[in-house]
Amino acid sequence: MLLLLLGIIVLHVAVLVLLFVSTIVSQWIDGNGHTMDLWQNCSTSSLGSVRHCLSSSTNEWLQSVQATMILSIIFSVLSLFLFFYQLFTITKGGRFYLTGIFQILAGKW
């Protein structure tokens, strides 16, 4: 039972780390002095020293991706906190339904 709980904690932390990395990582597309990620588009001048960065949030589909990434992080963090809360307050043999619902919502978005 203890090994199962440890596995669930490792799974929660791994999901959070992957969500944060995939949201924060820069340079999804890189080439010809132009980089693009979830939050901004940057291009380097012909001299190579000046970077011009513009916000990526002008596209509607990109705004929806940004919103779903943030919602996924929020639901995953809430799921981890609810898991720890339920772990110490739930009676023996109880079910972690609320934690599971939040984890499913995090995966759905």
N, C-alpha and C. Protein backbone atom coordinates (compact mmCIF):
# COMPACT_ATOMS: atom_id res chain seq x y z
N MET A 1 0.83 -1.20 0.00
CA MET A 1 0.00 0.00 0.00
C MET A 1 0.87 1.26 0.00
N LEU A 2 1.93 1.20 0.78
CA LEU A 2 2.83 2.35 0.84
C LEU A 2 3.52 2.58 -0.50
N LEU A 3 3.85 1.49 -1.19
CA LEU A 3 4.49 1.60 -2.50
C LEU A 3 3.53 2.21 -3.52
N LEU A 4 2.26 1.88 -3.42
CA LEU A 4 1.25 2.46 -4.30
C LEU A 4 1.11 3.97 -4.06
N LEU A 5 1.08 4.38 -2.81
CA LEU A 5 0.99 5.81 -2.51
C LEU A 5 2.23 6.56 -2.99
N LEU A 6 3.40 5.95 -2.83
CA LEU A 6 4.63 6.57 -3.33
C LEU A 6 4.59 6.70 -4.85
N GLY A 7 4.07 5.68 -5.52
CA GLY A 7 3.94 5.75 -6.97
C GLY A 7 3.00 6.85 -7.42
N ILE A 8 1.91 7.05 -6.69
CA ILE A 8 0.96 8.11 -7.04
C ILE A 8 1.59 9.48 -6.83
N ILE A 9 2.35 9.64 -5.76
CA ILE A 9 3.03 10.92 -5.51
C ILE A 9 4.05 11.20 -6.61
N VAL A 10 4.81 10.18 -7.00
CA VAL A 10 5.80 10.35 -8.08
C VAL A 10 5.09 10.71 -9.38
N LEU A 11 3.95 10.08 -9.65
CA LEU A 11 3.19 10.40 -10.86
C LEU A 11 2.70 11.85 -10.84
N HIS A 12 2.18 12.31 -9.71
CA HIS A 12 1.72 13.70 -9.60
C HIS A 12 2.87 14.67 -9.85
N VAL A 13 3.99 14.43 -9.21
CA VAL A 13 5.14 15.34 -9.36
C VAL A 13 5.67 15.30 -10.79
N ALA A 14 5.72 14.12 -11.41
CA ALA A 14 6.20 14.02 -12.79
C ALA A 14 5.28 14.78 -13.75
N VAL A 15 3.98 14.68 -13.53
CA VAL A 15 3.03 15.41 -14.37
C VAL A 15 3.22 16.91 -14.21
N LEU A 16 3.39 17.37 -12.99
CA LEU A 16 3.61 18.80 -12.76
C LEU A 16 4.90 19.29 -13.41
N VAL A 17 5.96 18.53 -13.28
CA VAL A 17 7.23 18.93 -13.89
C VAL A 17 7.09 19.00 -15.41
N LEU A 18 6.47 17.99 -16.00
CA LEU A 18 6.30 18.00 -17.46
C LEU A 18 5.40 19.14 -17.92
N LEU A 19 4.36 19.45 -17.16
CA LEU A 19 3.50 20.57 -17.53
C LEU A 19 4.23 21.90 -17.45
N PHE A 20 4.99 22.10 -16.38
CA PHE A 20 5.75 23.35 -16.25
C PHE A 20 6.79 23.47 -17.34
N VAL A 21 7.50 22.40 -17.63
CA VAL A 21 8.54 22.46 -18.67
C VAL A 21 7.92 22.73 -20.03
N SER A 22 6.83 22.04 -20.36
CA SER A 22 6.22 22.25 -21.67
C SER A 22 5.59 23.62 -21.81
N THR A 23 5.19 24.24 -20.71
CA THR A 23 4.62 25.58 -20.77
C THR A 23 5.71 26.65 -20.84
N ILE A 24 6.79 26.45 -20.11
CA ILE A 24 7.82 27.48 -20.01
C ILE A 24 8.87 27.39 -21.11
N VAL A 25 9.08 26.20 -21.66
CA VAL A 25 10.18 26.00 -22.61
C VAL A 25 10.08 27.00 -23.77
N SER A 26 11.22 27.48 -24.16
CA SER A 26 11.24 28.44 -25.26
C SER A 26 11.80 27.78 -26.51
N GLN A 27 11.59 28.43 -27.61
CA GLN A 27 12.12 28.04 -28.91
C GLN A 27 11.56 26.70 -29.38
N TRP A 28 10.27 26.67 -29.64
CA TRP A 28 9.67 25.50 -30.26
C TRP A 28 10.17 25.38 -31.69
N ILE A 29 10.17 26.50 -32.40
CA ILE A 29 10.65 26.53 -33.78
C ILE A 29 11.84 27.47 -33.82
N ASP A 30 12.93 26.99 -34.35
CA ASP A 30 14.15 27.78 -34.37
C ASP A 30 14.78 27.65 -35.75
N GLY A 31 15.04 28.77 -36.38
CA GLY A 31 15.69 28.73 -37.68
C GLY A 31 15.71 30.08 -38.35
N ASN A 32 16.78 30.34 -39.09
CA ASN A 32 16.94 31.57 -39.86
C ASN A 32 16.77 32.83 -39.02
N GLY A 33 17.28 32.82 -37.81
CA GLY A 33 17.21 33.99 -36.95
C GLY A 33 15.84 34.25 -36.36
N HIS A 34 14.97 33.27 -36.42
CA HIS A 34 13.59 33.42 -35.92
C HIS A 34 13.30 32.29 -34.94
N THR A 35 12.80 32.65 -33.76
CA THR A 35 12.38 31.65 -32.78
C THR A 35 10.93 31.91 -32.41
N MET A 36 10.21 30.82 -32.13
CA MET A 36 8.80 30.94 -31.78
C MET A 36 8.51 29.98 -30.64
N ASP A 37 7.76 30.45 -29.67
CA ASP A 37 7.31 29.57 -28.59
C ASP A 37 5.88 29.92 -28.24
N LEU A 38 5.42 29.43 -27.11
CA LEU A 38 4.02 29.63 -26.71
C LEU A 38 3.72 31.07 -26.36
N TRP A 39 4.71 31.82 -25.94
CA TRP A 39 4.44 33.15 -25.41
C TRP A 39 4.94 34.29 -26.29
N GLN A 40 5.96 34.08 -27.11
CA GLN A 40 6.46 35.18 -27.92
C GLN A 40 7.15 34.68 -29.19
N ASN A 41 7.19 35.56 -30.19
CA ASN A 41 7.93 35.34 -31.43
C ASN A 41 9.10 36.30 -31.45
N CYS A 42 10.29 35.80 -31.63
CA CYS A 42 11.47 36.65 -31.66
C CYS A 42 12.21 36.48 -32.97
N SER A 43 12.75 37.57 -33.45
CA SER A 43 13.58 37.51 -34.64
C SER A 43 14.82 38.34 -34.40
N THR A 44 15.92 37.90 -34.98
CA THR A 44 17.19 38.59 -34.83
C THR A 44 17.43 39.42 -36.08
N SER A 45 17.97 40.61 -35.87
CA SER A 45 18.25 41.49 -37.01
C SER A 45 19.37 40.90 -37.86
N SER A 46 19.56 41.49 -39.02
CA SER A 46 20.58 40.99 -39.94
C SER A 46 21.98 41.10 -39.36
N LEU A 47 22.18 42.02 -38.42
CA LEU A 47 23.49 42.15 -37.77
C LEU A 47 23.69 41.07 -36.72
N GLY A 48 22.62 40.48 -36.25
CA GLY A 48 22.71 39.39 -35.29
C GLY A 48 22.78 39.82 -33.84
N SER A 49 22.72 41.10 -33.58
CA SER A 49 22.87 41.55 -32.20
C SER A 49 21.56 42.03 -31.58
N VAL A 50 20.59 42.44 -32.38
CA VAL A 50 19.35 43.00 -31.86
C VAL A 50 18.23 41.98 -32.05
N ARG A 51 17.54 41.69 -30.95
CA ARG A 51 16.39 40.78 -31.02
C ARG A 51 15.11 41.57 -30.90
N HIS A 52 14.19 41.30 -31.78
CA HIS A 52 12.87 41.92 -31.74
C HIS A 52 11.87 40.84 -31.35
N CYS A 53 11.21 41.04 -30.22
CA CYS A 53 10.26 40.05 -29.72
C CYS A 53 8.85 40.64 -29.70
N LEU A 54 7.93 39.88 -30.23
CA LEU A 54 6.52 40.26 -30.22
C LEU A 54 5.73 39.20 -29.48
N SER A 55 4.62 39.61 -28.90
CA SER A 55 3.76 38.68 -28.19
C SER A 55 3.09 37.72 -29.17
N SER A 56 2.99 36.47 -28.78
CA SER A 56 2.35 35.47 -29.64
C SER A 56 0.85 35.41 -29.44
N SER A 57 0.32 36.17 -28.53
CA SER A 57 -1.09 36.02 -28.17
C SER A 57 -2.06 36.70 -29.14
N THR A 58 -1.62 37.04 -30.34
CA THR A 58 -2.53 37.64 -31.31
C THR A 58 -3.36 36.58 -32.03
N ASN A 59 -2.87 35.35 -32.08
CA ASN A 59 -3.62 34.27 -32.73
C ASN A 59 -4.63 33.68 -31.74
N GLU A 60 -5.84 33.45 -32.23
CA GLU A 60 -6.88 32.91 -31.34
C GLU A 60 -6.58 31.49 -30.91
N TRP A 61 -6.05 30.67 -31.83
CA TRP A 61 -5.75 29.28 -31.46
C TRP A 61 -4.62 29.22 -30.46
N LEU A 62 -3.66 30.15 -30.55
CA LEU A 62 -2.56 30.16 -29.60
C LEU A 62 -3.03 30.60 -28.22
N GLN A 63 -3.99 31.52 -28.18
CA GLN A 63 -4.56 31.93 -26.90
C GLN A 63 -5.29 30.77 -26.24
N SER A 64 -5.97 29.95 -27.03
CA SER A 64 -6.66 28.80 -26.45
C SER A 64 -5.65 27.77 -25.94
N VAL A 65 -4.53 27.60 -26.62
CA VAL A 65 -3.48 26.69 -26.14
C VAL A 65 -2.88 27.22 -24.84
N GLN A 66 -2.63 28.52 -24.78
CA GLN A 66 -2.10 29.12 -23.56
C GLN A 66 -3.07 28.91 -22.39
N ALA A 67 -4.35 29.13 -22.64
CA ALA A 67 -5.35 28.98 -21.58
C ALA A 67 -5.46 27.54 -21.12
N THR A 68 -5.44 26.59 -22.04
CA THR A 68 -5.55 25.19 -21.63
C THR A 68 -4.31 24.72 -20.90
N MET A 69 -3.14 25.22 -21.25
CA MET A 69 -1.92 24.86 -20.51
C MET A 69 -2.00 25.38 -19.08
N ILE A 70 -2.45 26.61 -18.92
CA ILE A 70 -2.56 27.18 -17.58
C ILE A 70 -3.63 26.43 -16.77
N LEU A 71 -4.76 26.12 -17.38
CA LEU A 71 -5.81 25.36 -16.67
C LEU A 71 -5.31 23.97 -16.28
N SER A 72 -4.55 23.36 -17.14
CA SER A 72 -4.02 22.03 -16.83
C SER A 72 -3.07 22.09 -15.65
N ILE A 73 -2.24 23.11 -15.59
CA ILE A 73 -1.33 23.27 -14.44
C ILE A 73 -2.13 23.51 -13.16
N ILE A 74 -3.14 24.36 -13.23
CA ILE A 74 -3.95 24.66 -12.05
C ILE A 74 -4.65 23.41 -11.53
N PHE A 75 -5.28 22.65 -12.42
CA PHE A 75 -5.98 21.44 -11.99
C PHE A 75 -5.01 20.39 -11.46
N SER A 76 -3.84 20.32 -12.03
CA SER A 76 -2.86 19.33 -11.56
C SER A 76 -2.33 19.70 -10.17
N VAL A 77 -2.08 20.97 -9.93
CA VAL A 77 -1.63 21.41 -8.61
C VAL A 77 -2.73 21.19 -7.58
N LEU A 78 -3.97 21.53 -7.94
CA LEU A 78 -5.09 21.28 -7.02
C LEU A 78 -5.24 19.79 -6.73
N SER A 79 -5.03 18.97 -7.74
CA SER A 79 -5.12 17.52 -7.54
C SER A 79 -4.06 17.03 -6.57
N LEU A 80 -2.84 17.55 -6.67
CA LEU A 80 -1.77 17.14 -5.76
C LEU A 80 -2.08 17.57 -4.33
N PHE A 81 -2.56 18.80 -4.14
CA PHE A 81 -2.91 19.27 -2.80
C PHE A 81 -4.08 18.49 -2.23
N LEU A 82 -5.09 18.22 -3.06
CA LEU A 82 -6.23 17.42 -2.59
C LEU A 82 -5.81 16.00 -2.24
N PHE A 83 -4.86 15.45 -2.99
CA PHE A 83 -4.37 14.12 -2.68
C PHE A 83 -3.73 14.08 -1.29
N PHE A 84 -2.86 15.05 -1.00
CA PHE A 84 -2.23 15.08 0.32
C PHE A 84 -3.26 15.34 1.42
N TYR A 85 -4.24 16.22 1.15
CA TYR A 85 -5.27 16.49 2.15
C TYR A 85 -6.09 15.22 2.43
N GLN A 86 -6.51 14.55 1.36
CA GLN A 86 -7.30 13.35 1.54
C GLN A 86 -6.48 12.20 2.13
N LEU A 87 -5.20 12.18 1.85
CA LEU A 87 -4.34 11.12 2.37
C LEU A 87 -4.32 11.12 3.89
N PHE A 88 -4.32 12.31 4.48
CA PHE A 88 -4.22 12.40 5.93
C PHE A 88 -5.57 12.55 6.63
N THR A 89 -6.65 12.83 5.89
CA THR A 89 -7.94 13.03 6.55
C THR A 89 -8.96 11.95 6.24
N ILE A 90 -8.79 11.22 5.17
CA ILE A 90 -9.79 10.24 4.78
C ILE A 90 -9.66 8.99 5.65
N THR A 91 -10.78 8.34 5.89
CA THR A 91 -10.75 7.12 6.70
C THR A 91 -10.12 5.98 5.92
N LYS A 92 -9.67 4.98 6.62
CA LYS A 92 -9.01 3.85 5.98
C LYS A 92 -10.01 3.14 5.06
N GLY A 93 -9.59 2.88 3.84
CA GLY A 93 -10.46 2.25 2.86
C GLY A 93 -11.28 3.24 2.06
N GLY A 94 -11.11 4.54 2.32
CA GLY A 94 -11.84 5.56 1.58
C GLY A 94 -11.31 5.72 0.17
N ARG A 95 -12.07 6.38 -0.64
CA ARG A 95 -11.70 6.56 -2.04
C ARG A 95 -11.27 7.99 -2.30
N PHE A 96 -10.38 8.14 -3.27
CA PHE A 96 -9.85 9.44 -3.65
C PHE A 96 -10.59 9.96 -4.89
N TYR A 97 -11.90 10.05 -4.81
CA TYR A 97 -12.70 10.47 -5.96
C TYR A 97 -12.40 11.91 -6.37
N LEU A 98 -12.34 12.82 -5.42
CA LEU A 98 -12.13 14.23 -5.74
C LEU A 98 -10.76 14.45 -6.38
N THR A 99 -9.75 13.79 -5.87
CA THR A 99 -8.41 13.89 -6.46
C THR A 99 -8.41 13.35 -7.88
N GLY A 100 -9.08 12.23 -8.09
CA GLY A 100 -9.16 11.64 -9.42
C GLY A 100 -9.88 12.53 -10.41
N ILE A 101 -10.94 13.18 -9.96
CA ILE A 101 -11.69 14.08 -10.84
C ILE A 101 -10.81 15.25 -11.29
N PHE A 102 -10.06 15.84 -10.36
CA PHE A 102 -9.18 16.95 -10.73
C PHE A 102 -8.05 16.49 -11.63
N GLN A 103 -7.54 15.29 -11.43
CA GLN A 103 -6.48 14.79 -12.29
C GLN A 103 -7.02 14.50 -13.70
N ILE A 104 -8.25 14.02 -13.79
CA ILE A 104 -8.86 13.81 -15.09
C ILE A 104 -9.09 15.14 -15.80
N LEU A 105 -9.53 16.16 -15.05
CA LEU A 105 -9.70 17.48 -15.65
C LEU A 105 -8.38 18.05 -16.13
N ALA A 106 -7.31 17.81 -15.38
CA ALA A 106 -5.98 18.29 -15.81
C ALA A 106 -5.54 17.60 -17.08
N GLY A 107 -5.85 16.32 -17.21
CA GLY A 107 -5.48 15.60 -18.42
C GLY A 107 -6.36 15.94 -19.60
N LYS A 108 -7.60 16.29 -19.33
CA LYS A 108 -8.53 16.63 -20.41
C LYS A 108 -8.13 17.95 -21.07
N TRP A 109 -7.64 18.88 -20.28
CA TRP A 109 -7.20 20.14 -20.85
C TRP A 109 -5.77 20.00 -21.17
